[in-house]
Amino acid sequence: MPGYKLFAAKGGGSMIVEAAFTLAGVPLEVEYLSWTTLGLEHDDLKVVNPLMQVPTLVCPDGRIMTESAAILMHLADLKPESRLFPAPDHPRRRDFLRFLMLINTAIYPTFTFGDAPQKWLKGDESAGKVLRETTDDHRKSLWRYAESWAGEPWFLDDTFSAIDLYLWPMTWWRPGRDWFRTEAPKIHAIGLKVEALPALKAVKERQSET
């Protein structure tokens, strides 16, 4: 019987989904795709996801799921014992939902438009530099706001959640770990703590393979 298959790219947001499946104990086949200068341009991916985005999850019944938050919601429903999502009566459930959406709807889009600005500006290099700079600055403001709500040792204090998984790869992305260490030390510490989880050792090793 077929299982779950993930179309992914190393170093990207699909790391979050791969890590979540690992922690939930759900078998997952991963096919890594290579980045191009304009993102992902692969025929195999286009067949299952015309948006050409990863993560793209092929479910056992053949149905397709996209958007990391939606995939994690499905996984949390499938394996509630994984505790990726706090229970509805958890005292910080509302904070979890709030910042899960902030990451996905506010922070993530700054990369969508800032990573390859030429894709959106018809090759206008001057405008592209401005778009990269302004989206980078806005992202820093959003991270500082998230830092003001972050707990210790995890974002939701003593409760580990999917938000912590997001912070592992995202603290490597612009503005980078050195910036987080200085400007958002709690978020920086969470990223390091997730990276050090023994259960994620294999995921980390796959991400570092060339």
Protein backbone atom coordinates (compact mmCIF):
# COMPACT_ATOMS: atom_id res chain seq x y z
CA MET A 1 0.00 0.00 0.00
CA PRO A 2 1.46 3.41 -0.92
CA GLY A 3 2.43 5.76 1.84
CA TYR A 4 3.14 9.48 2.02
CA LYS A 5 5.54 11.05 -0.46
CA LEU A 6 7.00 14.53 -0.05
CA PHE A 7 8.44 16.66 -2.84
CA ALA A 8 11.03 18.76 -1.05
CA ALA A 9 14.10 20.96 -1.48
CA LYS A 10 17.03 20.95 0.92
CA GLY A 11 17.32 23.94 3.18
CA GLY A 12 13.76 25.05 2.47
CA GLY A 13 10.46 24.96 4.29
CA SER A 14 9.90 21.32 3.47
CA MET A 15 12.40 20.61 6.27
CA ILE A 16 9.59 21.53 8.66
CA VAL A 17 7.24 18.92 7.23
CA GLU A 18 9.96 16.27 7.05
CA ALA A 19 10.85 16.91 10.70
CA ALA A 20 7.20 16.81 11.77
CA PHE A 21 6.59 13.45 10.09
CA THR A 22 9.72 12.12 11.77
CA LEU A 23 8.61 13.23 15.22
CA ALA A 24 5.10 11.88 14.62
CA GLY A 25 6.51 8.51 13.59
CA VAL A 26 4.78 8.50 10.21
CA PRO A 27 6.81 6.93 7.36
CA LEU A 28 7.60 9.41 4.61
CA GLU A 29 9.30 9.04 1.24
CA VAL A 30 11.14 12.22 0.31
CA GLU A 31 12.16 13.29 -3.19
CA TYR A 32 14.55 16.23 -3.14
CA LEU A 33 14.45 18.74 -5.98
CA SER A 34 17.13 21.31 -6.82
CA TRP A 35 16.61 25.05 -6.62
CA THR A 36 17.01 27.15 -9.76
CA THR A 37 17.60 30.90 -9.96
CA LEU A 38 13.83 31.42 -10.25
CA GLY A 39 12.79 28.85 -7.68
CA LEU A 40 11.77 25.33 -8.58
CA GLU A 41 11.30 24.36 -12.22
CA HIS A 42 10.82 20.59 -12.38
CA ASP A 43 8.50 18.58 -14.60
CA ASP A 44 7.77 15.94 -11.94
CA LEU A 45 6.66 18.60 -9.49
CA LYS A 46 4.55 20.40 -12.07
CA VAL A 47 2.50 17.26 -12.63
CA VAL A 48 1.35 17.15 -8.99
CA ASN A 49 1.50 20.86 -8.16
CA PRO A 50 1.13 23.41 -10.97
CA LEU A 51 2.18 26.12 -8.47
CA MET A 52 5.67 24.57 -8.53
CA GLN A 53 6.14 24.92 -4.78
CA VAL A 54 7.50 22.70 -2.04
CA PRO A 55 6.55 21.15 0.25
CA THR A 56 4.07 19.17 -1.84
CA LEU A 57 2.69 16.05 -0.18
CA VAL A 58 1.20 13.10 -2.05
CA CYS A 59 -1.11 11.24 0.35
CA PRO A 60 -1.66 7.47 0.37
CA ASP A 61 -4.98 7.89 -1.45
CA GLY A 62 -3.30 9.94 -4.17
CA ARG A 63 -4.69 13.28 -3.01
CA ILE A 64 -2.30 16.24 -2.99
CA MET A 65 -1.63 18.60 -0.11
CA THR A 66 0.35 21.84 -0.27
CA GLU A 67 1.10 24.61 2.26
CA SER A 68 3.17 23.54 5.23
CA ALA A 69 0.64 24.68 7.84
CA ALA A 70 -2.15 22.69 6.17
CA ILE A 71 0.06 19.60 5.98
CA LEU A 72 0.92 19.92 9.66
CA MET A 73 -2.76 20.29 10.53
CA HIS A 74 -3.44 17.04 8.69
CA LEU A 75 -0.56 15.34 10.49
CA ALA A 76 -1.76 16.61 13.88
CA ASP A 77 -5.21 15.16 13.13
CA LEU A 78 -3.62 11.88 12.07
CA LYS A 79 -1.32 11.68 15.09
CA PRO A 80 -2.67 13.86 17.92
CA GLU A 81 -0.32 12.11 20.34
CA SER A 82 2.58 13.80 18.53
CA ARG A 83 1.51 17.06 20.23
CA LEU A 84 2.59 19.14 17.26
CA PHE A 85 -0.49 21.24 17.90
CA PRO A 86 -1.47 22.12 21.48
CA ALA A 87 -4.82 20.72 22.57
CA PRO A 88 -7.86 23.02 22.18
CA ASP A 89 -7.92 23.63 25.94
CA HIS A 90 -4.19 24.41 26.20
CA PRO A 91 -3.67 27.85 27.80
CA ARG A 92 -1.49 29.02 24.88
CA ARG A 93 -3.50 27.41 22.06
CA ARG A 94 -4.56 30.86 20.80
CA ASP A 95 -0.96 32.07 20.80
CA PHE A 96 0.00 28.97 18.84
CA LEU A 97 -2.64 29.56 16.16
CA ARG A 98 -1.79 33.23 16.00
CA PHE A 99 1.93 32.80 15.45
CA LEU A 100 1.54 29.79 13.18
CA MET A 101 -0.44 32.08 10.88
CA LEU A 102 1.95 35.00 11.35
CA ILE A 103 4.84 32.84 10.18
CA ASN A 104 2.94 31.50 7.20
CA THR A 105 1.02 34.58 6.06
CA ALA A 106 3.35 37.44 6.99
CA ILE A 107 6.95 36.22 7.33
CA TYR A 108 6.97 33.58 4.60
CA PRO A 109 5.74 35.97 1.85
CA THR A 110 8.75 38.22 2.41
CA PHE A 111 10.85 35.38 1.00
CA THR A 112 8.38 34.66 -1.78
CA PHE A 113 8.87 38.15 -3.18
CA GLY A 114 12.36 38.94 -1.88
CA ASP A 115 14.27 35.79 -2.80
CA ALA A 116 13.90 36.18 -6.57
CA PRO A 117 12.61 39.74 -7.14
CA GLN A 118 13.43 39.58 -10.85
CA LYS A 119 10.69 36.97 -11.18
CA TRP A 120 8.08 39.57 -10.19
CA LEU A 121 9.62 42.71 -11.71
CA LYS A 122 10.32 41.56 -15.27
CA GLY A 123 14.08 41.76 -14.81
CA ASP A 124 14.17 45.29 -13.38
CA GLU A 125 17.37 44.97 -11.32
CA SER A 126 17.08 48.37 -9.65
CA ALA A 127 13.53 47.73 -8.47
CA GLY A 128 14.57 44.21 -7.48
CA LYS A 129 17.22 45.53 -5.11
CA VAL A 130 14.66 47.78 -3.46
CA LEU A 131 12.17 44.92 -3.11
CA ARG A 132 14.84 42.69 -1.56
CA GLU A 133 15.86 45.41 0.90
CA THR A 134 12.33 46.36 1.95
CA THR A 135 11.15 42.79 2.40
CA ASP A 136 14.26 41.98 4.43
CA ASP A 137 13.64 45.00 6.67
CA HIS A 138 9.99 44.10 7.16
CA ARG A 139 10.93 40.53 8.05
CA LYS A 140 13.26 41.77 10.78
CA SER A 141 10.41 43.80 12.27
CA LEU A 142 8.14 40.75 12.25
CA TRP A 143 10.76 38.59 13.92
CA ARG A 144 11.34 41.21 16.61
CA TYR A 145 7.60 41.18 17.28
CA ALA A 146 7.58 37.36 17.49
CA GLU A 147 10.57 37.51 19.84
CA SER A 148 8.57 39.72 22.22
CA TRP A 149 6.06 36.85 22.58
CA ALA A 150 8.49 33.94 22.59
CA GLY A 151 8.83 31.79 25.66
CA GLU A 152 11.60 29.53 26.96
CA PRO A 153 12.75 26.83 26.37
CA TRP A 154 10.16 26.60 23.56
CA PHE A 155 8.08 29.27 21.91
CA LEU A 156 5.10 28.25 24.07
CA ASP A 157 7.19 28.04 27.24
CA ASP A 158 7.30 24.41 28.42
CA THR A 159 5.20 23.16 25.50
CA PHE A 160 6.95 21.97 22.36
CA SER A 161 4.95 22.62 19.19
CA ALA A 162 5.14 22.87 15.41
CA ILE A 163 6.13 26.53 15.75
CA ASP A 164 9.49 25.40 17.12
CA LEU A 165 10.02 23.28 14.01
CA TYR A 166 9.54 26.36 11.84
CA LEU A 167 12.24 28.19 13.77
CA TRP A 168 14.88 25.58 13.00
CA PRO A 169 15.33 26.33 9.27
CA MET A 170 13.97 29.86 9.34
CA THR A 171 16.68 31.11 11.68
CA TRP A 172 19.22 30.02 9.07
CA TRP A 173 17.54 32.12 6.39
CA ARG A 174 18.00 35.88 6.01
CA PRO A 175 18.85 37.74 8.17
CA GLY A 176 20.75 34.69 9.49
CA ARG A 177 21.79 33.12 12.76
CA ASP A 178 24.14 35.94 13.79
CA TRP A 179 21.29 38.44 13.55
CA PHE A 180 18.95 36.20 15.56
CA ARG A 181 21.60 35.65 18.20
CA THR A 182 21.71 39.40 18.82
CA GLU A 183 18.23 40.64 17.96
CA ALA A 184 16.02 37.63 18.78
CA PRO A 185 17.98 35.49 21.25
CA LYS A 186 15.02 33.40 22.45
CA ILE A 187 14.06 32.46 18.89
CA HIS A 188 17.72 31.78 18.12
CA ALA A 189 18.01 29.45 21.12
CA ILE A 190 14.87 27.56 20.08
CA GLY A 191 16.26 27.01 16.60
CA LEU A 192 19.45 25.54 18.05
CA LYS A 193 17.50 23.38 20.48
CA VAL A 194 15.37 21.87 17.71
CA GLU A 195 18.45 21.26 15.59
CA ALA A 196 20.00 19.31 18.45
CA LEU A 197 17.04 16.97 18.98
CA PRO A 198 18.35 13.37 18.64
CA ALA A 199 15.16 12.35 16.85
CA LEU A 200 15.95 14.77 14.03
CA LYS A 201 19.56 13.69 13.51
CA ALA A 202 18.76 11.81 10.29
CA VAL A 203 16.80 14.76 8.90
CA LYS A 204 19.70 17.09 9.67
CA GLU A 205 22.17 14.73 7.99
CA ARG A 206 20.04 14.48 4.85
CA GLN A 207 19.84 18.24 4.66
CA SER A 208 23.63 18.56 4.76
CA GLU A 209 24.27 15.94 2.07
CA THR A 210 25.34 17.31 -1.31
